[in-house]
């Protein structure tokens, strides 16, 4: 009996200690990234096509996903964002797996989404400020990311899925 309990405990602890690069973990990281980008888009009263395109560009740069996978990821991110009560579970994933440079790039991508419609909403600003703090991005890095995204401006082409 003790051997069976011991085997069960070893199996459970072995499952919990699975490598961080499991497909489920990668999917969780992708979803966390997408939710934070979608949250910027959802923060303004209206969602513009340019914001959606900016979310797509950011996800394409970060992950190697097909167009269908990207579209499904964004749909799932919308669903998840609607029921989320805080950002910590999403930023926690990024803090564990992203380098500091990737976190700063994430904040810049969020700014790109906010500026994609050529208007910065106060609620978009608040979301980005909160996430930047949770990602341990310094105020100077936060401002530099904002200025870089602002000066880059919206792209001339469209990356919107058909």
N, C-alpha and C. Protein backbone atom coordinates (compact mmCIF):
# COMPACT_ATOMS: atom_id res chain seq x y z
N UNK A 1 0.82 -1.19 0.00
CA UNK A 1 0.00 0.00 0.00
C UNK A 1 0.87 1.26 0.00
N UNK A 2 1.93 1.26 0.86
CA UNK A 2 2.81 2.43 0.91
C UNK A 2 3.54 2.63 -0.41
N UNK A 3 3.89 1.53 -1.06
CA UNK A 3 4.56 1.64 -2.35
C UNK A 3 3.63 2.30 -3.37
N UNK A 4 2.36 1.94 -3.36
CA UNK A 4 1.39 2.53 -4.29
C UNK A 4 1.25 4.02 -4.05
N UNK A 5 1.14 4.44 -2.80
CA UNK A 5 1.03 5.85 -2.45
C UNK A 5 2.30 6.58 -2.86
N UNK A 6 3.45 5.94 -2.58
CA UNK A 6 4.73 6.55 -2.95
C UNK A 6 4.82 6.71 -4.47
N UNK A 7 4.41 5.68 -5.23
CA UNK A 7 4.43 5.77 -6.69
C UNK A 7 3.51 6.89 -7.18
N UNK A 8 2.35 7.01 -6.56
CA UNK A 8 1.40 8.06 -6.95
C UNK A 8 2.00 9.44 -6.70
N UNK A 9 2.61 9.63 -5.56
CA UNK A 9 3.22 10.93 -5.23
C UNK A 9 4.36 11.24 -6.20
N UNK A 10 5.20 10.24 -6.49
CA UNK A 10 6.30 10.46 -7.43
C UNK A 10 5.78 10.80 -8.82
N UNK A 11 4.72 10.13 -9.24
CA UNK A 11 4.17 10.41 -10.56
C UNK A 11 3.59 11.83 -10.61
N UNK A 12 2.87 12.22 -9.57
CA UNK A 12 2.30 13.56 -9.54
C UNK A 12 3.37 14.64 -9.48
N UNK A 13 4.38 14.45 -8.65
CA UNK A 13 5.44 15.45 -8.58
C UNK A 13 6.25 15.47 -9.86
N UNK A 14 6.38 14.34 -10.51
CA UNK A 14 7.07 14.30 -11.81
C UNK A 14 6.30 15.07 -12.87
N UNK A 15 4.96 14.98 -12.85
CA UNK A 15 4.13 15.72 -13.79
C UNK A 15 4.22 17.21 -13.53
N UNK A 16 4.28 17.59 -12.26
CA UNK A 16 4.37 19.01 -11.92
C UNK A 16 5.72 19.58 -12.31
N UNK A 17 6.72 18.74 -12.35
CA UNK A 17 8.06 19.21 -12.69
C UNK A 17 8.35 19.03 -14.18
N UNK A 18 7.31 18.99 -15.00
CA UNK A 18 7.49 18.85 -16.45
C UNK A 18 8.28 20.02 -16.99
N UNK A 19 8.98 19.82 -18.08
CA UNK A 19 9.77 20.90 -18.66
C UNK A 19 8.89 22.10 -19.02
N UNK A 20 9.49 23.30 -18.95
CA UNK A 20 8.75 24.53 -19.19
C UNK A 20 8.38 24.72 -20.66
N UNK A 21 8.94 23.92 -21.54
CA UNK A 21 8.68 24.09 -22.96
C UNK A 21 7.64 23.12 -23.49
N UNK A 22 6.75 22.65 -22.65
CA UNK A 22 5.70 21.77 -23.12
C UNK A 22 4.74 22.57 -24.00
N UNK A 23 4.06 21.90 -24.93
CA UNK A 23 3.13 22.61 -25.81
C UNK A 23 2.06 23.39 -25.04
N UNK A 24 1.57 22.83 -23.95
CA UNK A 24 0.55 23.52 -23.15
C UNK A 24 1.12 24.81 -22.58
N UNK A 25 2.36 24.77 -22.10
CA UNK A 25 2.98 25.96 -21.54
C UNK A 25 3.21 27.03 -22.61
N UNK A 26 3.60 26.60 -23.80
CA UNK A 26 3.79 27.55 -24.92
C UNK A 26 2.47 28.19 -25.29
N UNK A 27 1.40 27.39 -25.31
CA UNK A 27 0.08 27.93 -25.62
C UNK A 27 -0.34 28.95 -24.55
N UNK A 28 -0.07 28.66 -23.30
CA UNK A 28 -0.41 29.58 -22.21
C UNK A 28 0.36 30.89 -22.37
N UNK A 29 1.62 30.82 -22.75
CA UNK A 29 2.43 32.01 -22.98
C UNK A 29 1.86 32.82 -24.14
N UNK A 30 1.49 32.15 -25.22
CA UNK A 30 0.90 32.84 -26.37
C UNK A 30 -0.41 33.52 -25.98
N UNK A 31 -1.24 32.81 -25.22
CA UNK A 31 -2.52 33.37 -24.80
C UNK A 31 -2.31 34.57 -23.87
N UNK A 32 -1.37 34.47 -22.95
CA UNK A 32 -1.09 35.58 -22.05
C UNK A 32 -0.66 36.83 -22.82
N UNK A 33 0.20 36.63 -23.80
CA UNK A 33 0.66 37.74 -24.63
C UNK A 33 -0.51 38.35 -25.40
N UNK A 34 -1.31 37.50 -26.01
CA UNK A 34 -2.45 37.97 -26.80
C UNK A 34 -3.48 38.70 -25.93
N UNK A 35 -3.74 38.19 -24.74
CA UNK A 35 -4.72 38.83 -23.86
C UNK A 35 -4.28 40.24 -23.51
N UNK A 36 -3.02 40.44 -23.19
CA UNK A 36 -2.54 41.77 -22.83
C UNK A 36 -2.64 42.74 -24.00
N UNK A 37 -2.35 42.26 -25.20
CA UNK A 37 -2.48 43.12 -26.39
C UNK A 37 -3.96 43.43 -26.67
N UNK A 38 -4.80 42.44 -26.53
CA UNK A 38 -6.24 42.63 -26.75
C UNK A 38 -6.82 43.57 -25.70
N UNK A 39 -6.30 43.52 -24.49
CA UNK A 39 -6.79 44.41 -23.45
C UNK A 39 -6.60 45.88 -23.80
N UNK A 40 -5.50 46.20 -24.47
CA UNK A 40 -5.29 47.58 -24.92
C UNK A 40 -6.36 47.93 -25.95
N UNK A 41 -6.61 47.01 -26.85
CA UNK A 41 -7.61 47.23 -27.89
C UNK A 41 -9.00 47.40 -27.27
N UNK A 42 -9.31 46.62 -26.28
CA UNK A 42 -10.62 46.65 -25.62
C UNK A 42 -10.79 47.86 -24.70
N UNK A 43 -9.70 48.50 -24.33
CA UNK A 43 -9.77 49.60 -23.36
C UNK A 43 -10.47 50.83 -23.92
N UNK A 44 -10.33 51.06 -25.22
CA UNK A 44 -10.97 52.21 -25.86
C UNK A 44 -12.43 51.86 -26.16
N UNK A 45 -13.28 52.89 -26.26
CA UNK A 45 -14.70 52.64 -26.52
C UNK A 45 -14.96 51.93 -27.85
N UNK A 46 -14.14 52.18 -28.86
CA UNK A 46 -14.32 51.55 -30.16
C UNK A 46 -13.04 50.82 -30.57
N UNK A 47 -13.20 49.66 -31.19
CA UNK A 47 -12.06 48.91 -31.70
C UNK A 47 -11.92 49.24 -33.18
N UNK A 48 -10.74 49.67 -33.57
CA UNK A 48 -10.47 50.02 -34.96
C UNK A 48 -9.67 48.92 -35.65
N UNK A 49 -9.81 48.83 -36.96
CA UNK A 49 -9.12 47.83 -37.76
C UNK A 49 -7.61 47.92 -37.57
N UNK A 50 -7.08 49.13 -37.45
CA UNK A 50 -5.65 49.31 -37.27
C UNK A 50 -5.14 48.70 -35.98
N UNK A 51 -5.96 48.74 -34.94
CA UNK A 51 -5.57 48.13 -33.66
C UNK A 51 -5.49 46.62 -33.80
N UNK A 52 -6.47 46.06 -34.47
CA UNK A 52 -6.47 44.61 -34.71
C UNK A 52 -5.22 44.21 -35.50
N UNK A 53 -4.91 45.00 -36.52
CA UNK A 53 -3.72 44.73 -37.34
C UNK A 53 -2.45 44.83 -36.50
N UNK A 54 -2.40 45.77 -35.57
CA UNK A 54 -1.22 45.93 -34.71
C UNK A 54 -1.07 44.72 -33.78
N UNK A 55 -2.18 44.19 -33.29
CA UNK A 55 -2.14 42.98 -32.45
C UNK A 55 -1.60 41.82 -33.28
N UNK A 56 -2.09 41.67 -34.51
CA UNK A 56 -1.59 40.61 -35.40
C UNK A 56 -0.09 40.72 -35.63
N UNK A 57 0.37 41.93 -35.94
CA UNK A 57 1.81 42.14 -36.20
C UNK A 57 2.64 41.75 -34.99
N UNK A 58 2.21 42.17 -33.82
CA UNK A 58 2.97 41.86 -32.60
C UNK A 58 3.02 40.35 -32.36
N UNK A 59 1.90 39.67 -32.55
CA UNK A 59 1.88 38.22 -32.33
C UNK A 59 2.68 37.48 -33.39
N UNK A 60 2.66 37.96 -34.62
CA UNK A 60 3.47 37.35 -35.68
C UNK A 60 4.96 37.48 -35.38
N UNK A 61 5.35 38.65 -34.86
CA UNK A 61 6.77 38.86 -34.53
C UNK A 61 7.22 37.95 -33.40
N UNK A 62 6.34 37.70 -32.44
CA UNK A 62 6.72 36.95 -31.25
C UNK A 62 6.62 35.43 -31.44
N UNK A 63 5.62 34.99 -32.20
CA UNK A 63 5.35 33.54 -32.31
C UNK A 63 5.24 33.13 -33.78
N UNK A 64 5.65 31.92 -34.07
CA UNK A 64 5.53 31.37 -35.41
C UNK A 64 4.20 30.64 -35.51
N UNK A 65 3.16 31.37 -35.92
CA UNK A 65 1.82 30.81 -36.02
C UNK A 65 1.26 31.08 -37.41
N UNK A 66 0.42 30.17 -37.87
CA UNK A 66 -0.26 30.38 -39.15
C UNK A 66 -1.35 31.44 -38.97
N UNK A 67 -1.89 31.92 -40.08
CA UNK A 67 -2.96 32.92 -40.01
C UNK A 67 -4.16 32.38 -39.25
N UNK A 68 -4.52 31.12 -39.49
CA UNK A 68 -5.65 30.51 -38.78
C UNK A 68 -5.38 30.43 -37.28
N UNK A 69 -4.16 30.05 -36.92
CA UNK A 69 -3.80 29.96 -35.50
C UNK A 69 -3.83 31.35 -34.85
N UNK A 70 -3.36 32.35 -35.57
CA UNK A 70 -3.39 33.72 -35.04
C UNK A 70 -4.82 34.19 -34.82
N UNK A 71 -5.67 33.94 -35.78
CA UNK A 71 -7.06 34.36 -35.66
C UNK A 71 -7.72 33.67 -34.46
N UNK A 72 -7.50 32.38 -34.32
CA UNK A 72 -8.09 31.64 -33.19
C UNK A 72 -7.51 32.14 -31.86
N UNK A 73 -6.21 32.42 -31.84
CA UNK A 73 -5.58 32.94 -30.63
C UNK A 73 -6.21 34.27 -30.22
N UNK A 74 -6.45 35.15 -31.17
CA UNK A 74 -7.05 36.44 -30.84
C UNK A 74 -8.49 36.27 -30.37
N UNK A 75 -9.23 35.36 -30.99
CA UNK A 75 -10.60 35.08 -30.54
C UNK A 75 -10.60 34.56 -29.10
N UNK A 76 -9.69 33.63 -28.81
CA UNK A 76 -9.58 33.08 -27.46
C UNK A 76 -9.13 34.15 -26.48
N UNK A 77 -8.25 35.05 -26.91
CA UNK A 77 -7.80 36.14 -26.05
C UNK A 77 -8.95 37.07 -25.70
N UNK A 78 -9.82 37.36 -26.68
CA UNK A 78 -11.01 38.18 -26.41
C UNK A 78 -11.89 37.52 -25.35
N UNK A 79 -12.14 36.23 -25.53
CA UNK A 79 -12.98 35.49 -24.58
C UNK A 79 -12.36 35.50 -23.19
N UNK A 80 -11.07 35.25 -23.12
CA UNK A 80 -10.36 35.19 -21.84
C UNK A 80 -10.32 36.57 -21.18
N UNK A 81 -10.10 37.61 -21.98
CA UNK A 81 -10.02 38.97 -21.44
C UNK A 81 -11.35 39.40 -20.82
N UNK A 82 -12.45 38.97 -21.41
CA UNK A 82 -13.76 39.35 -20.89
C UNK A 82 -13.99 38.83 -19.47
N UNK A 83 -13.41 37.70 -19.13
CA UNK A 83 -13.64 37.10 -17.81
C UNK A 83 -12.49 37.32 -16.84
N UNK A 84 -11.42 37.96 -17.30
CA UNK A 84 -10.26 38.17 -16.43
C UNK A 84 -10.55 39.30 -15.43
N UNK A 85 -10.10 39.13 -14.22
CA UNK A 85 -10.32 40.15 -13.21
C UNK A 85 -9.04 40.91 -12.86
N UNK A 86 -7.90 40.43 -13.35
CA UNK A 86 -6.64 41.15 -13.16
C UNK A 86 -5.64 40.70 -14.23
N UNK A 87 -4.50 41.35 -14.26
CA UNK A 87 -3.48 41.05 -15.26
C UNK A 87 -2.37 40.16 -14.72
N UNK A 88 -2.36 39.88 -13.44
CA UNK A 88 -1.23 39.20 -12.84
C UNK A 88 -1.01 37.79 -13.36
N UNK A 89 -2.06 37.07 -13.64
CA UNK A 89 -1.84 35.71 -14.15
C UNK A 89 -1.21 35.74 -15.54
N UNK A 90 -1.47 36.78 -16.30
CA UNK A 90 -0.89 36.90 -17.64
C UNK A 90 0.54 37.45 -17.57
N UNK A 91 0.74 38.47 -16.78
CA UNK A 91 2.09 39.03 -16.66
C UNK A 91 3.02 38.05 -15.95
N UNK A 92 2.48 37.22 -15.09
CA UNK A 92 3.29 36.21 -14.41
C UNK A 92 3.93 35.26 -15.41
N UNK A 93 3.16 34.84 -16.41
CA UNK A 93 3.70 33.98 -17.47
C UNK A 93 4.84 34.67 -18.21
N UNK A 94 4.65 35.94 -18.54
CA UNK A 94 5.68 36.68 -19.26
C UNK A 94 6.91 36.91 -18.40
N UNK A 95 6.70 37.19 -17.12
CA UNK A 95 7.84 37.39 -16.22
C UNK A 95 8.68 36.12 -16.09
N UNK A 96 8.03 34.97 -16.14
CA UNK A 96 8.75 33.70 -16.04
C UNK A 96 9.53 33.35 -17.30
N UNK A 97 8.99 33.68 -18.46
CA UNK A 97 9.54 33.18 -19.71
C UNK A 97 10.20 34.22 -20.60
N UNK A 98 9.85 35.50 -20.46
CA UNK A 98 10.42 36.54 -21.32
C UNK A 98 11.68 37.13 -20.69
N UNK A 99 12.62 37.49 -21.54
CA UNK A 99 13.77 38.27 -21.07
C UNK A 99 13.27 39.68 -20.80
N UNK A 100 14.12 40.47 -20.14
CA UNK A 100 13.72 41.86 -19.87
C UNK A 100 13.50 42.61 -21.18
N UNK A 101 14.34 42.38 -22.16
CA UNK A 101 14.19 43.04 -23.47
C UNK A 101 12.86 42.66 -24.12
N UNK A 102 12.44 41.41 -23.98
CA UNK A 102 11.16 40.98 -24.54
C UNK A 102 9.99 41.65 -23.81
N UNK A 103 10.15 41.87 -22.51
CA UNK A 103 9.09 42.56 -21.76
C UNK A 103 8.96 44.01 -22.22
N UNK A 104 10.10 44.67 -22.44
CA UNK A 104 10.07 46.05 -22.94
C UNK A 104 9.44 46.06 -24.34
N UNK A 105 9.79 45.08 -25.17
CA UNK A 105 9.20 44.97 -26.51
C UNK A 105 7.70 44.74 -26.42
N UNK A 106 7.26 44.01 -25.41
CA UNK A 106 5.83 43.79 -25.20
C UNK A 106 5.13 45.11 -24.91
N UNK A 107 5.73 45.91 -24.05
CA UNK A 107 5.15 47.22 -23.71
C UNK A 107 5.11 48.09 -24.97
N UNK A 108 6.16 48.04 -25.76
CA UNK A 108 6.17 48.81 -27.01
C UNK A 108 5.07 48.33 -27.96
N UNK A 109 4.86 47.02 -28.03
CA UNK A 109 3.79 46.48 -28.88
C UNK A 109 2.43 46.95 -28.38
N UNK A 110 2.27 47.04 -27.07
CA UNK A 110 1.01 47.54 -26.52
C UNK A 110 0.80 49.00 -26.92
N UNK A 111 1.89 49.79 -26.88
CA UNK A 111 1.80 51.18 -27.32
C UNK A 111 1.45 51.24 -28.80
N UNK A 112 2.01 50.35 -29.61
CA UNK A 112 1.70 50.33 -31.04
C UNK A 112 0.22 50.07 -31.27
N UNK A 113 -0.37 49.20 -30.47
CA UNK A 113 -1.81 48.94 -30.57
C UNK A 113 -2.58 50.20 -30.20
N UNK A 114 -2.17 50.85 -29.13
CA UNK A 114 -2.86 52.06 -28.67
C UNK A 114 -2.80 53.18 -29.70
N UNK A 115 -1.67 53.32 -30.37
CA UNK A 115 -1.50 54.40 -31.35
C UNK A 115 -1.97 54.02 -32.75
N UNK A 116 -2.39 52.80 -32.97
CA UNK A 116 -2.76 52.33 -34.30
C UNK A 116 -3.94 53.09 -34.90
N UNK A 117 -4.79 53.65 -34.07
CA UNK A 117 -5.93 54.42 -34.58
C UNK A 117 -5.67 55.93 -34.53
N UNK A 118 -4.41 56.30 -34.30
CA UNK A 118 -3.98 57.71 -34.26
C UNK A 118 -4.63 58.47 -33.10
N UNK A 119 -5.09 57.75 -32.09
CA UNK A 119 -5.67 58.40 -30.91
C UNK A 119 -5.33 57.56 -29.67
N UNK A 120 -4.79 58.23 -28.66
CA UNK A 120 -4.48 57.54 -27.41
C UNK A 120 -5.60 57.80 -26.41
N UNK A 121 -6.30 56.75 -26.04
CA UNK A 121 -7.37 56.84 -25.06
C UNK A 121 -6.78 56.73 -23.66
N UNK A 122 -7.36 57.44 -22.71
CA UNK A 122 -6.86 57.43 -21.34
C UNK A 122 -6.90 56.01 -20.74
N UNK A 123 -7.87 55.22 -21.14
CA UNK A 123 -7.98 53.85 -20.63
C UNK A 123 -6.89 52.95 -21.20
N UNK A 124 -6.52 53.17 -22.47
CA UNK A 124 -5.41 52.43 -23.05
C UNK A 124 -4.13 52.74 -22.29
N UNK A 125 -3.92 54.01 -22.01
CA UNK A 125 -2.75 54.44 -21.24
C UNK A 125 -2.70 53.75 -19.88
N UNK A 126 -3.83 53.68 -19.22
CA UNK A 126 -3.89 53.06 -17.89
C UNK A 126 -3.55 51.58 -17.94
N UNK A 127 -4.06 50.88 -18.95
CA UNK A 127 -3.77 49.45 -19.09
C UNK A 127 -2.27 49.23 -19.29
N UNK A 128 -1.68 50.02 -20.18
CA UNK A 128 -0.26 49.84 -20.48
C UNK A 128 0.59 50.17 -19.26
N UNK A 129 0.25 51.23 -18.54
CA UNK A 129 1.00 51.61 -17.35
C UNK A 129 0.96 50.50 -16.31
N UNK A 130 -0.22 49.93 -16.12
CA UNK A 130 -0.39 48.85 -15.14
C UNK A 130 0.43 47.62 -15.54
N UNK A 131 0.33 47.21 -16.80
CA UNK A 131 1.06 46.03 -17.27
C UNK A 131 2.56 46.26 -17.20
N UNK A 132 3.02 47.44 -17.59
CA UNK A 132 4.46 47.75 -17.54
C UNK A 132 4.99 47.59 -16.12
N UNK A 133 4.22 48.06 -15.15
CA UNK A 133 4.63 47.90 -13.75
C UNK A 133 4.71 46.44 -13.34
N UNK A 134 3.71 45.66 -13.75
CA UNK A 134 3.70 44.24 -13.41
C UNK A 134 4.82 43.46 -14.11
N UNK A 135 5.29 43.98 -15.25
CA UNK A 135 6.40 43.34 -15.97
C UNK A 135 7.76 43.86 -15.50
N UNK A 136 7.78 44.75 -14.53
CA UNK A 136 9.01 45.33 -13.97
C UNK A 136 9.79 46.14 -15.01
N UNK A 137 9.04 46.80 -15.90
CA UNK A 137 9.64 47.70 -16.88
C UNK A 137 9.80 49.05 -16.20
N UNK A 138 10.98 49.62 -16.27
CA UNK A 138 11.23 50.90 -15.59
C UNK A 138 10.44 52.02 -16.27
N UNK A 139 10.29 53.12 -15.56
CA UNK A 139 9.56 54.25 -16.11
C UNK A 139 10.26 54.79 -17.36
N UNK A 140 11.57 54.83 -17.34
CA UNK A 140 12.32 55.29 -18.50
C UNK A 140 12.10 54.39 -19.71
N UNK A 141 12.09 53.08 -19.49
CA UNK A 141 11.86 52.13 -20.58
C UNK A 141 10.42 52.25 -21.10
N UNK A 142 9.50 52.47 -20.18
CA UNK A 142 8.09 52.66 -20.51
C UNK A 142 7.92 53.88 -21.42
N UNK A 143 8.55 54.98 -21.06
CA UNK A 143 8.46 56.22 -21.85
C UNK A 143 9.16 56.04 -23.20
N UNK A 144 10.33 55.40 -23.20
CA UNK A 144 11.05 55.17 -24.46
C UNK A 144 10.22 54.29 -25.40
N UNK A 145 9.57 53.27 -24.87
CA UNK A 145 8.71 52.41 -25.69
C UNK A 145 7.54 53.19 -26.25
N UNK A 146 6.97 54.07 -25.42
CA UNK A 146 5.85 54.90 -25.85
C UNK A 146 6.28 55.82 -26.99
N UNK A 147 7.40 56.49 -26.82
CA UNK A 147 7.89 57.42 -27.84
C UNK A 147 8.24 56.70 -29.13
N UNK A 148 8.86 55.54 -29.01
CA UNK A 148 9.22 54.78 -30.21
C UNK A 148 7.97 54.37 -30.98
N UNK A 149 6.96 53.86 -30.28
CA UNK A 149 5.71 53.45 -30.93
C UNK A 149 4.99 54.67 -31.53
N UNK A 150 5.03 55.77 -30.81
CA UNK A 150 4.36 56.99 -31.27
C UNK A 150 5.01 57.52 -32.55
N UNK A 151 6.32 57.52 -32.59
CA UNK A 151 7.03 58.02 -33.76
C UNK A 151 6.97 57.05 -34.94
N UNK A 152 6.84 55.77 -34.64
CA UNK A 152 6.72 54.78 -35.72
C UNK A 152 5.40 54.96 -36.45
N UNK A 153 4.36 55.35 -35.71
CA UNK A 153 3.06 55.61 -36.32
C UNK A 153 2.43 54.37 -36.89
N UNK A 154 1.18 54.51 -37.34
CA UNK A 154 0.51 53.35 -37.93
C UNK A 154 1.12 53.00 -39.28
N UNK A 155 1.23 51.71 -39.60
CA UNK A 155 1.81 51.29 -40.88
C UNK A 155 0.86 51.62 -42.04
N UNK A 156 1.44 51.70 -43.21
CA UNK A 156 0.64 52.03 -44.39
C UNK A 156 -0.12 50.81 -44.91
N UNK A 157 0.42 49.61 -44.73
CA UNK A 157 -0.25 48.40 -45.22
C UNK A 157 -1.15 47.82 -44.16
N UNK A 158 -1.98 46.87 -44.56
CA UNK A 158 -2.90 46.22 -43.62
C UNK A 158 -2.52 44.76 -43.50
N UNK A 159 -2.51 44.28 -42.25
CA UNK A 159 -2.22 42.87 -41.97
C UNK A 159 -3.48 42.14 -41.52
N UNK A 160 -4.63 42.65 -41.85
CA UNK A 160 -5.86 42.06 -41.35
C UNK A 160 -6.15 40.78 -42.11
N UNK A 161 -6.53 39.78 -41.35
CA UNK A 161 -6.88 38.49 -41.96
C UNK A 161 -8.18 38.62 -42.75
N UNK A 162 -8.31 37.88 -43.83
CA UNK A 162 -9.56 37.95 -44.61
C UNK A 162 -10.72 37.36 -43.83
